[in-house]
Amino acid sequence: PSRHLMAALASFCSKYSQPFCRVLV
């Protein structure tokens, strides 16, 4: 993934990691 995509993923995960894991992971 690009650095922009990784930055966006890390940013979102920092606050909403549970729903992120339930959906994406």
mmCIF file of all heavy atoms, coordinates in Angstrom:
data_MODEL
# 
_entry.id   MODEL 
# 
loop_
_atom_site.group_PDB 
_atom_site.id 
_atom_site.type_symbol 
_atom_site.label_atom_id 
_atom_site.label_alt_id 
_atom_site.label_comp_id 
_atom_site.label_asym_id 
_atom_site.label_entity_id 
_atom_site.label_seq_id 
_atom_site.pdbx_PDB_ins_code 
_atom_site.Cartn_x 
_atom_site.Cartn_y 
_atom_site.Cartn_z 
_atom_site.occupancy 
_atom_site.B_iso_or_equiv 
_atom_site.pdbx_formal_charge 
_atom_site.auth_seq_id 
_atom_site.auth_comp_id 
_atom_site.auth_asym_id 
_atom_site.auth_atom_id 
_atom_site.pdbx_PDB_model_num 
ATOM 1   N N   . PRO A 1 1  ? 0.823   -1.208  0.000  1.00 0.00 ? 1  PRO A N   1 
ATOM 2   C CA  . PRO A 1 1  ? 0.000   0.000   0.000  1.00 0.00 ? 1  PRO A CA  1 
ATOM 3   C C   . PRO A 1 1  ? 0.858   1.259   0.000  1.00 0.00 ? 1  PRO A C   1 
ATOM 4   O O   . PRO A 1 1  ? 1.982   1.261   0.514  1.00 0.00 ? 1  PRO A O   1 
ATOM 5   C CB  . PRO A 1 1  ? -0.812  -0.112  1.298  1.00 0.00 ? 1  PRO A CB  1 
ATOM 6   C CG  . PRO A 1 1  ? -0.021  -1.024  2.160  1.00 0.00 ? 1  PRO A CG  1 
ATOM 7   C CD  . PRO A 1 1  ? 0.682   -1.975  1.243  1.00 0.00 ? 1  PRO A CD  1 
ATOM 8   N N   . SER A 1 2  ? 0.324   2.323   -0.574 1.00 0.00 ? 2  SER A N   1 
ATOM 9   C CA  . SER A 1 2  ? 1.036   3.598   -0.596 1.00 0.00 ? 2  SER A CA  1 
ATOM 10  C C   . SER A 1 2  ? 1.136   4.155   0.815  1.00 0.00 ? 2  SER A C   1 
ATOM 11  O O   . SER A 1 2  ? 0.399   3.754   1.720  1.00 0.00 ? 2  SER A O   1 
ATOM 12  C CB  . SER A 1 2  ? 0.285   4.593   -1.481 1.00 0.00 ? 2  SER A CB  1 
ATOM 13  O OG  . SER A 1 2  ? -0.932  4.985   -0.835 1.00 0.00 ? 2  SER A OG  1 
ATOM 14  N N   . ARG A 1 3  ? 2.028   5.112   0.996  1.00 0.00 ? 3  ARG A N   1 
ATOM 15  C CA  . ARG A 1 3  ? 2.169   5.728   2.316  1.00 0.00 ? 3  ARG A CA  1 
ATOM 16  C C   . ARG A 1 3  ? 0.897   6.475   2.698  1.00 0.00 ? 3  ARG A C   1 
ATOM 17  O O   . ARG A 1 3  ? 0.537   6.551   3.866  1.00 0.00 ? 3  ARG A O   1 
ATOM 18  C CB  . ARG A 1 3  ? 3.389   6.637   2.373  1.00 0.00 ? 3  ARG A CB  1 
ATOM 19  C CG  . ARG A 1 3  ? 3.350   7.818   1.446  1.00 0.00 ? 3  ARG A CG  1 
ATOM 20  C CD  . ARG A 1 3  ? 4.648   8.631   1.496  1.00 0.00 ? 3  ARG A CD  1 
ATOM 21  N NE  . ARG A 1 3  ? 4.615   9.742   0.567  1.00 0.00 ? 3  ARG A NE  1 
ATOM 22  C CZ  . ARG A 1 3  ? 4.093   10.931  0.840  1.00 0.00 ? 3  ARG A CZ  1 
ATOM 23  N NH1 . ARG A 1 3  ? 3.562   11.148  2.027  1.00 0.00 ? 3  ARG A NH1 1 
ATOM 24  N NH2 . ARG A 1 3  ? 4.087   11.901  -0.045 1.00 0.00 ? 3  ARG A NH2 1 
ATOM 25  N N   . HIS A 1 4  ? 0.193   7.020   1.713  1.00 0.00 ? 4  HIS A N   1 
ATOM 26  C CA  . HIS A 1 4  ? -1.068  7.710   2.002  1.00 0.00 ? 4  HIS A CA  1 
ATOM 27  C C   . HIS A 1 4  ? -2.111  6.726   2.523  1.00 0.00 ? 4  HIS A C   1 
ATOM 28  O O   . HIS A 1 4  ? -2.815  7.013   3.505  1.00 0.00 ? 4  HIS A O   1 
ATOM 29  C CB  . HIS A 1 4  ? -1.610  8.410   0.754  1.00 0.00 ? 4  HIS A CB  1 
ATOM 30  C CG  . HIS A 1 4  ? -0.854  9.632   0.355  1.00 0.00 ? 4  HIS A CG  1 
ATOM 31  N ND1 . HIS A 1 4  ? -0.665  10.706  1.192  1.00 0.00 ? 4  HIS A ND1 1 
ATOM 32  C CD2 . HIS A 1 4  ? -0.233  9.952   -0.808 1.00 0.00 ? 4  HIS A CD2 1 
ATOM 33  C CE1 . HIS A 1 4  ? 0.033   11.647  0.567  1.00 0.00 ? 4  HIS A CE1 1 
ATOM 34  N NE2 . HIS A 1 4  ? 0.318   11.202  -0.640 1.00 0.00 ? 4  HIS A NE2 1 
ATOM 35  N N   . LEU A 1 5  ? -2.225  5.560   1.873  1.00 0.00 ? 5  LEU A N   1 
ATOM 36  C CA  . LEU A 1 5  ? -3.201  4.572   2.322  1.00 0.00 ? 5  LEU A CA  1 
ATOM 37  C C   . LEU A 1 5  ? -2.848  4.058   3.713  1.00 0.00 ? 5  LEU A C   1 
ATOM 38  O O   . LEU A 1 5  ? -3.714  3.927   4.577  1.00 0.00 ? 5  LEU A O   1 
ATOM 39  C CB  . LEU A 1 5  ? -3.286  3.410   1.324  1.00 0.00 ? 5  LEU A CB  1 
ATOM 40  C CG  . LEU A 1 5  ? -4.281  2.294   1.685  1.00 0.00 ? 5  LEU A CG  1 
ATOM 41  C CD1 . LEU A 1 5  ? -5.681  2.845   1.935  1.00 0.00 ? 5  LEU A CD1 1 
ATOM 42  C CD2 . LEU A 1 5  ? -4.308  1.221   0.598  1.00 0.00 ? 5  LEU A CD2 1 
ATOM 43  N N   . MET A 1 6  ? -1.565  3.799   3.954  1.00 0.00 ? 6  MET A N   1 
ATOM 44  C CA  . MET A 1 6  ? -1.156  3.333   5.277  1.00 0.00 ? 6  MET A CA  1 
ATOM 45  C C   . MET A 1 6  ? -1.434  4.392   6.342  1.00 0.00 ? 6  MET A C   1 
ATOM 46  O O   . MET A 1 6  ? -1.874  4.071   7.448  1.00 0.00 ? 6  MET A O   1 
ATOM 47  C CB  . MET A 1 6  ? 0.332   2.971   5.287  1.00 0.00 ? 6  MET A CB  1 
ATOM 48  C CG  . MET A 1 6  ? 0.649   1.590   4.743  1.00 0.00 ? 6  MET A CG  1 
ATOM 49  S SD  . MET A 1 6  ? -0.286  0.240   5.511  1.00 0.00 ? 6  MET A SD  1 
ATOM 50  C CE  . MET A 1 6  ? 0.178   0.366   7.227  1.00 0.00 ? 6  MET A CE  1 
ATOM 51  N N   . ALA A 1 7  ? -1.202  5.646   6.005  1.00 0.00 ? 7  ALA A N   1 
ATOM 52  C CA  . ALA A 1 7  ? -1.469  6.728   6.964  1.00 0.00 ? 7  ALA A CA  1 
ATOM 53  C C   . ALA A 1 7  ? -2.955  6.810   7.277  1.00 0.00 ? 7  ALA A C   1 
ATOM 54  O O   . ALA A 1 7  ? -3.350  6.995   8.436  1.00 0.00 ? 7  ALA A O   1 
ATOM 55  C CB  . ALA A 1 7  ? -0.959  8.056   6.405  1.00 0.00 ? 7  ALA A CB  1 
ATOM 56  N N   . ALA A 1 8  ? -3.793  6.653   6.257  1.00 0.00 ? 8  ALA A N   1 
ATOM 57  C CA  . ALA A 1 8  ? -5.240  6.700   6.464  1.00 0.00 ? 8  ALA A CA  1 
ATOM 58  C C   . ALA A 1 8  ? -5.700  5.519   7.312  1.00 0.00 ? 8  ALA A C   1 
ATOM 59  O O   . ALA A 1 8  ? -6.510  5.675   8.239  1.00 0.00 ? 8  ALA A O   1 
ATOM 60  C CB  . ALA A 1 8  ? -5.968  6.711   5.120  1.00 0.00 ? 8  ALA A CB  1 
ATOM 61  N N   . LEU A 1 9  ? -5.185  4.337   7.017  1.00 0.00 ? 9  LEU A N   1 
ATOM 62  C CA  . LEU A 1 9  ? -5.538  3.141   7.790  1.00 0.00 ? 9  LEU A CA  1 
ATOM 63  C C   . LEU A 1 9  ? -5.120  3.292   9.254  1.00 0.00 ? 9  LEU A C   1 
ATOM 64  O O   . LEU A 1 9  ? -5.898  3.013   10.169 1.00 0.00 ? 9  LEU A O   1 
ATOM 65  C CB  . LEU A 1 9  ? -4.870  1.902   7.186  1.00 0.00 ? 9  LEU A CB  1 
ATOM 66  C CG  . LEU A 1 9  ? -5.438  1.391   5.860  1.00 0.00 ? 9  LEU A CG  1 
ATOM 67  C CD1 . LEU A 1 9  ? -4.453  0.450   5.190  1.00 0.00 ? 9  LEU A CD1 1 
ATOM 68  C CD2 . LEU A 1 9  ? -6.771  0.697   6.088  1.00 0.00 ? 9  LEU A CD2 1 
ATOM 69  N N   . ALA A 1 10 ? -3.893  3.740   9.468  1.00 0.00 ? 10 ALA A N   1 
ATOM 70  C CA  . ALA A 1 10 ? -3.390  3.906   10.832 1.00 0.00 ? 10 ALA A CA  1 
ATOM 71  C C   . ALA A 1 10 ? -4.204  4.948   11.584 1.00 0.00 ? 10 ALA A C   1 
ATOM 72  O O   . ALA A 1 10 ? -4.528  4.773   12.765 1.00 0.00 ? 10 ALA A O   1 
ATOM 73  C CB  . ALA A 1 10 ? -1.912  4.301   10.797 1.00 0.00 ? 10 ALA A CB  1 
ATOM 74  N N   . SER A 1 11 ? -4.565  6.018   10.900 1.00 0.00 ? 11 SER A N   1 
ATOM 75  C CA  . SER A 1 11 ? -5.367  7.070   11.516 1.00 0.00 ? 11 SER A CA  1 
ATOM 76  C C   . SER A 1 11 ? -6.734  6.541   11.941 1.00 0.00 ? 11 SER A C   1 
ATOM 77  O O   . SER A 1 11 ? -7.166  6.726   13.082 1.00 0.00 ? 11 SER A O   1 
ATOM 78  C CB  . SER A 1 11 ? -5.524  8.229   10.521 1.00 0.00 ? 11 SER A CB  1 
ATOM 79  O OG  . SER A 1 11 ? -6.401  9.207   11.011 1.00 0.00 ? 11 SER A OG  1 
ATOM 80  N N   . PHE A 1 12 ? -7.402  5.845   11.043 1.00 0.00 ? 12 PHE A N   1 
ATOM 81  C CA  . PHE A 1 12 ? -8.733  5.309   11.343 1.00 0.00 ? 12 PHE A CA  1 
ATOM 82  C C   . PHE A 1 12 ? -8.652  4.283   12.479 1.00 0.00 ? 12 PHE A C   1 
ATOM 83  O O   . PHE A 1 12 ? -9.464  4.288   13.401 1.00 0.00 ? 12 PHE A O   1 
ATOM 84  C CB  . PHE A 1 12 ? -9.335  4.676   10.080 1.00 0.00 ? 12 PHE A CB  1 
ATOM 85  C CG  . PHE A 1 12 ? -10.798 4.381   10.196 1.00 0.00 ? 12 PHE A CG  1 
ATOM 86  C CD1 . PHE A 1 12 ? -11.744 5.333   9.852  1.00 0.00 ? 12 PHE A CD1 1 
ATOM 87  C CD2 . PHE A 1 12 ? -11.237 3.151   10.656 1.00 0.00 ? 12 PHE A CD2 1 
ATOM 88  C CE1 . PHE A 1 12 ? -13.107 5.066   9.964  1.00 0.00 ? 12 PHE A CE1 1 
ATOM 89  C CE2 . PHE A 1 12 ? -12.589 2.873   10.776 1.00 0.00 ? 12 PHE A CE2 1 
ATOM 90  C CZ  . PHE A 1 12 ? -13.531 3.833   10.424 1.00 0.00 ? 12 PHE A CZ  1 
ATOM 91  N N   . CYS A 1 13 ? -7.644  3.404   12.405 1.00 0.00 ? 13 CYS A N   1 
ATOM 92  C CA  . CYS A 1 13 ? -7.471  2.357   13.432 1.00 0.00 ? 13 CYS A CA  1 
ATOM 93  C C   . CYS A 1 13 ? -7.215  2.942   14.811 1.00 0.00 ? 13 CYS A C   1 
ATOM 94  O O   . CYS A 1 13 ? -7.551  2.324   15.819 1.00 0.00 ? 13 CYS A O   1 
ATOM 95  C CB  . CYS A 1 13 ? -6.303  1.450   13.077 1.00 0.00 ? 13 CYS A CB  1 
ATOM 96  S SG  . CYS A 1 13 ? -6.657  0.282   11.794 1.00 0.00 ? 13 CYS A SG  1 
ATOM 97  N N   . SER A 1 14 ? -6.590  4.107   14.859 1.00 0.00 ? 14 SER A N   1 
ATOM 98  C CA  . SER A 1 14 ? -6.238  4.681   16.153 1.00 0.00 ? 14 SER A CA  1 
ATOM 99  C C   . SER A 1 14 ? -7.466  4.965   17.010 1.00 0.00 ? 14 SER A C   1 
ATOM 100 O O   . SER A 1 14 ? -7.373  5.004   18.229 1.00 0.00 ? 14 SER A O   1 
ATOM 101 C CB  . SER A 1 14 ? -5.429  5.963   15.956 1.00 0.00 ? 14 SER A CB  1 
ATOM 102 O OG  . SER A 1 14 ? -6.247  7.014   15.449 1.00 0.00 ? 14 SER A OG  1 
ATOM 103 N N   . LYS A 1 15 ? -8.622  5.138   16.373 1.00 0.00 ? 15 LYS A N   1 
ATOM 104 C CA  . LYS A 1 15 ? -9.827  5.470   17.128 1.00 0.00 ? 15 LYS A CA  1 
ATOM 105 C C   . LYS A 1 15 ? -10.929 4.436   16.981 1.00 0.00 ? 15 LYS A C   1 
ATOM 106 O O   . LYS A 1 15 ? -11.740 4.253   17.885 1.00 0.00 ? 15 LYS A O   1 
ATOM 107 C CB  . LYS A 1 15 ? -10.346 6.829   16.673 1.00 0.00 ? 15 LYS A CB  1 
ATOM 108 C CG  . LYS A 1 15 ? -11.366 7.450   17.607 1.00 0.00 ? 15 LYS A CG  1 
ATOM 109 C CD  . LYS A 1 15 ? -11.543 8.914   17.266 1.00 0.00 ? 15 LYS A CD  1 
ATOM 110 C CE  . LYS A 1 15 ? -12.395 9.620   18.305 1.00 0.00 ? 15 LYS A CE  1 
ATOM 111 N NZ  . LYS A 1 15 ? -12.530 11.052  18.003 1.00 0.00 ? 15 LYS A NZ  1 
ATOM 112 N N   . TYR A 1 16 ? -10.961 3.751   15.847 1.00 0.00 ? 16 TYR A N   1 
ATOM 113 C CA  . TYR A 1 16 ? -12.080 2.853   15.555 1.00 0.00 ? 16 TYR A CA  1 
ATOM 114 C C   . TYR A 1 16 ? -11.588 1.453   15.178 1.00 0.00 ? 16 TYR A C   1 
ATOM 115 O O   . TYR A 1 16 ? -12.017 0.877   14.192 1.00 0.00 ? 16 TYR A O   1 
ATOM 116 C CB  . TYR A 1 16 ? -12.942 3.441   14.429 1.00 0.00 ? 16 TYR A CB  1 
ATOM 117 C CG  . TYR A 1 16 ? -13.532 4.789   14.782 1.00 0.00 ? 16 TYR A CG  1 
ATOM 118 C CD1 . TYR A 1 16 ? -13.072 5.958   14.181 1.00 0.00 ? 16 TYR A CD1 1 
ATOM 119 C CD2 . TYR A 1 16 ? -14.527 4.894   15.754 1.00 0.00 ? 16 TYR A CD2 1 
ATOM 120 C CE1 . TYR A 1 16 ? -13.608 7.197   14.525 1.00 0.00 ? 16 TYR A CE1 1 
ATOM 121 C CE2 . TYR A 1 16 ? -15.065 6.125   16.103 1.00 0.00 ? 16 TYR A CE2 1 
ATOM 122 C CZ  . TYR A 1 16 ? -14.604 7.265   15.480 1.00 0.00 ? 16 TYR A CZ  1 
ATOM 123 O OH  . TYR A 1 16 ? -15.140 8.485   15.840 1.00 0.00 ? 16 TYR A OH  1 
ATOM 124 N N   . SER A 1 17 ? -10.672 0.922   15.985 1.00 0.00 ? 17 SER A N   1 
ATOM 125 C CA  . SER A 1 17 ? -10.042 -0.346  15.600 1.00 0.00 ? 17 SER A CA  1 
ATOM 126 C C   . SER A 1 17 ? -10.988 -1.544  15.687 1.00 0.00 ? 17 SER A C   1 
ATOM 127 O O   . SER A 1 17 ? -10.883 -2.471  14.895 1.00 0.00 ? 17 SER A O   1 
ATOM 128 C CB  . SER A 1 17 ? -8.775  -0.594  16.422 1.00 0.00 ? 17 SER A CB  1 
ATOM 129 O OG  . SER A 1 17 ? -9.053  -0.649  17.789 1.00 0.00 ? 17 SER A OG  1 
ATOM 130 N N   . GLN A 1 18 ? -11.920 -1.540  16.641 1.00 0.00 ? 18 GLN A N   1 
ATOM 131 C CA  . GLN A 1 18 ? -12.833 -2.692  16.749 1.00 0.00 ? 18 GLN A CA  1 
ATOM 132 C C   . GLN A 1 18 ? -13.728 -2.833  15.513 1.00 0.00 ? 18 GLN A C   1 
ATOM 133 O O   . GLN A 1 18 ? -13.764 -3.900  14.895 1.00 0.00 ? 18 GLN A O   1 
ATOM 134 C CB  . GLN A 1 18 ? -13.669 -2.589  18.019 1.00 0.00 ? 18 GLN A CB  1 
ATOM 135 C CG  . GLN A 1 18 ? -12.866 -2.823  19.294 1.00 0.00 ? 18 GLN A CG  1 
ATOM 136 C CD  . GLN A 1 18 ? -12.725 -4.288  19.655 1.00 0.00 ? 18 GLN A CD  1 
ATOM 137 O OE1 . GLN A 1 18 ? -13.597 -5.088  19.377 1.00 0.00 ? 18 GLN A OE1 1 
ATOM 138 N NE2 . GLN A 1 18 ? -11.625 -4.639  20.285 1.00 0.00 ? 18 GLN A NE2 1 
ATOM 139 N N   . PRO A 1 19 ? -14.467 -1.783  15.118 1.00 0.00 ? 19 PRO A N   1 
ATOM 140 C CA  . PRO A 1 19 ? -15.273 -1.938  13.894 1.00 0.00 ? 19 PRO A CA  1 
ATOM 141 C C   . PRO A 1 19 ? -14.405 -2.173  12.664 1.00 0.00 ? 19 PRO A C   1 
ATOM 142 O O   . PRO A 1 19 ? -14.793 -2.920  11.755 1.00 0.00 ? 19 PRO A O   1 
ATOM 143 C CB  . PRO A 1 19 ? -16.055 -0.619  13.800 1.00 0.00 ? 19 PRO A CB  1 
ATOM 144 C CG  . PRO A 1 19 ? -15.402 0.327   14.735 1.00 0.00 ? 19 PRO A CG  1 
ATOM 145 C CD  . PRO A 1 19 ? -14.738 -0.501  15.790 1.00 0.00 ? 19 PRO A CD  1 
ATOM 146 N N   . PHE A 1 20 ? -13.211 -1.575  12.637 1.00 0.00 ? 20 PHE A N   1 
ATOM 147 C CA  . PHE A 1 20 ? -12.296 -1.796  11.519 1.00 0.00 ? 20 PHE A CA  1 
ATOM 148 C C   . PHE A 1 20 ? -11.955 -3.278  11.402 1.00 0.00 ? 20 PHE A C   1 
ATOM 149 O O   . PHE A 1 20 ? -11.990 -3.861  10.315 1.00 0.00 ? 20 PHE A O   1 
ATOM 150 C CB  . PHE A 1 20 ? -11.025 -0.973  11.737 1.00 0.00 ? 20 PHE A CB  1 
ATOM 151 C CG  . PHE A 1 20 ? -9.980  -1.163  10.681 1.00 0.00 ? 20 PHE A CG  1 
ATOM 152 C CD1 . PHE A 1 20 ? -10.007 -0.412  9.524  1.00 0.00 ? 20 PHE A CD1 1 
ATOM 153 C CD2 . PHE A 1 20 ? -8.972  -2.103  10.839 1.00 0.00 ? 20 PHE A CD2 1 
ATOM 154 C CE1 . PHE A 1 20 ? -9.041  -0.586  8.533  1.00 0.00 ? 20 PHE A CE1 1 
ATOM 155 C CE2 . PHE A 1 20 ? -8.015  -2.288  9.867  1.00 0.00 ? 20 PHE A CE2 1 
ATOM 156 C CZ  . PHE A 1 20 ? -8.042  -1.525  8.707  1.00 0.00 ? 20 PHE A CZ  1 
ATOM 157 N N   . CYS A 1 21 ? -11.622 -3.905  12.534 1.00 0.00 ? 21 CYS A N   1 
ATOM 158 C CA  . CYS A 1 21 ? -11.269 -5.332  12.521 1.00 0.00 ? 21 CYS A CA  1 
ATOM 159 C C   . CYS A 1 21 ? -12.466 -6.190  12.130 1.00 0.00 ? 21 CYS A C   1 
ATOM 160 O O   . CYS A 1 21 ? -12.316 -7.157  11.374 1.00 0.00 ? 21 CYS A O   1 
ATOM 161 C CB  . CYS A 1 21 ? -10.743 -5.763  13.883 1.00 0.00 ? 21 CYS A CB  1 
ATOM 162 S SG  . CYS A 1 21 ? -9.113  -5.108  14.265 1.00 0.00 ? 21 CYS A SG  1 
ATOM 163 N N   . ARG A 1 22 ? -13.639 -5.856  12.648 1.00 0.00 ? 22 ARG A N   1 
ATOM 164 C CA  . ARG A 1 22 ? -14.838 -6.641  12.351 1.00 0.00 ? 22 ARG A CA  1 
ATOM 165 C C   . ARG A 1 22 ? -15.182 -6.603  10.869 1.00 0.00 ? 22 ARG A C   1 
ATOM 166 O O   . ARG A 1 22 ? -15.703 -7.577  10.321 1.00 0.00 ? 22 ARG A O   1 
ATOM 167 C CB  . ARG A 1 22 ? -16.028 -6.122  13.149 1.00 0.00 ? 22 ARG A CB  1 
ATOM 168 C CG  . ARG A 1 22 ? -15.941 -6.369  14.634 1.00 0.00 ? 22 ARG A CG  1 
ATOM 169 C CD  . ARG A 1 22 ? -16.302 -7.787  14.986 1.00 0.00 ? 22 ARG A CD  1 
ATOM 170 N NE  . ARG A 1 22 ? -16.276 -7.996  16.416 1.00 0.00 ? 22 ARG A NE  1 
ATOM 171 C CZ  . ARG A 1 22 ? -16.242 -9.175  16.977 1.00 0.00 ? 22 ARG A CZ  1 
ATOM 172 N NH1 . ARG A 1 22 ? -16.195 -10.265 16.241 1.00 0.00 ? 22 ARG A NH1 1 
ATOM 173 N NH2 . ARG A 1 22 ? -16.234 -9.291  18.292 1.00 0.00 ? 22 ARG A NH2 1 
ATOM 174 N N   . VAL A 1 23 ? -14.886 -5.486  10.206 1.00 0.00 ? 23 VAL A N   1 
ATOM 175 C CA  . VAL A 1 23 ? -15.235 -5.340  8.797  1.00 0.00 ? 23 VAL A CA  1 
ATOM 176 C C   . VAL A 1 23 ? -14.072 -5.733  7.893  1.00 0.00 ? 23 VAL A C   1 
ATOM 177 O O   . VAL A 1 23 ? -14.175 -6.662  7.091  1.00 0.00 ? 23 VAL A O   1 
ATOM 178 C CB  . VAL A 1 23 ? -15.672 -3.890  8.492  1.00 0.00 ? 23 VAL A CB  1 
ATOM 179 C CG1 . VAL A 1 23 ? -15.817 -3.666  6.992  1.00 0.00 ? 23 VAL A CG1 1 
ATOM 180 C CG2 . VAL A 1 23 ? -16.981 -3.577  9.186  1.00 0.00 ? 23 VAL A CG2 1 
ATOM 181 N N   . LEU A 1 24 ? -12.969 -5.036  8.030  1.00 0.00 ? 24 LEU A N   1 
ATOM 182 C CA  . LEU A 1 24 ? -11.907 -5.177  7.047  1.00 0.00 ? 24 LEU A CA  1 
ATOM 183 C C   . LEU A 1 24 ? -11.015 -6.383  7.303  1.00 0.00 ? 24 LEU A C   1 
ATOM 184 O O   . LEU A 1 24 ? -10.760 -7.170  6.398  1.00 0.00 ? 24 LEU A O   1 
ATOM 185 C CB  . LEU A 1 24 ? -11.062 -3.903  7.004  1.00 0.00 ? 24 LEU A CB  1 
ATOM 186 C CG  . LEU A 1 24 ? -10.138 -3.879  5.792  1.00 0.00 ? 24 LEU A CG  1 
ATOM 187 C CD1 . LEU A 1 24 ? -10.273 -2.583  5.027  1.00 0.00 ? 24 LEU A CD1 1 
ATOM 188 C CD2 . LEU A 1 24 ? -8.702  -4.083  6.201  1.00 0.00 ? 24 LEU A CD2 1 
ATOM 189 N N   . VAL A 1 25 ? -10.536 -6.534  8.521  1.00 0.00 ? 25 VAL A N   1 
ATOM 190 C CA  . VAL A 1 25 ? -9.651  -7.666  8.814  1.00 0.00 ? 25 VAL A CA  1 
ATOM 191 C C   . VAL A 1 25 ? -10.400 -8.981  8.606  1.00 0.00 ? 25 VAL A C   1 
ATOM 192 O O   . VAL A 1 25 ? -9.862  -9.924  8.021  1.00 0.00 ? 25 VAL A O   1 
ATOM 193 C CB  . VAL A 1 25 ? -9.072  -7.567  10.238 1.00 0.00 ? 25 VAL A CB  1 
ATOM 194 C CG1 . VAL A 1 25 ? -8.279  -8.812  10.592 1.00 0.00 ? 25 VAL A CG1 1 
ATOM 195 C CG2 . VAL A 1 25 ? -8.193  -6.324  10.364 1.00 0.00 ? 25 VAL A CG2 1 
# 
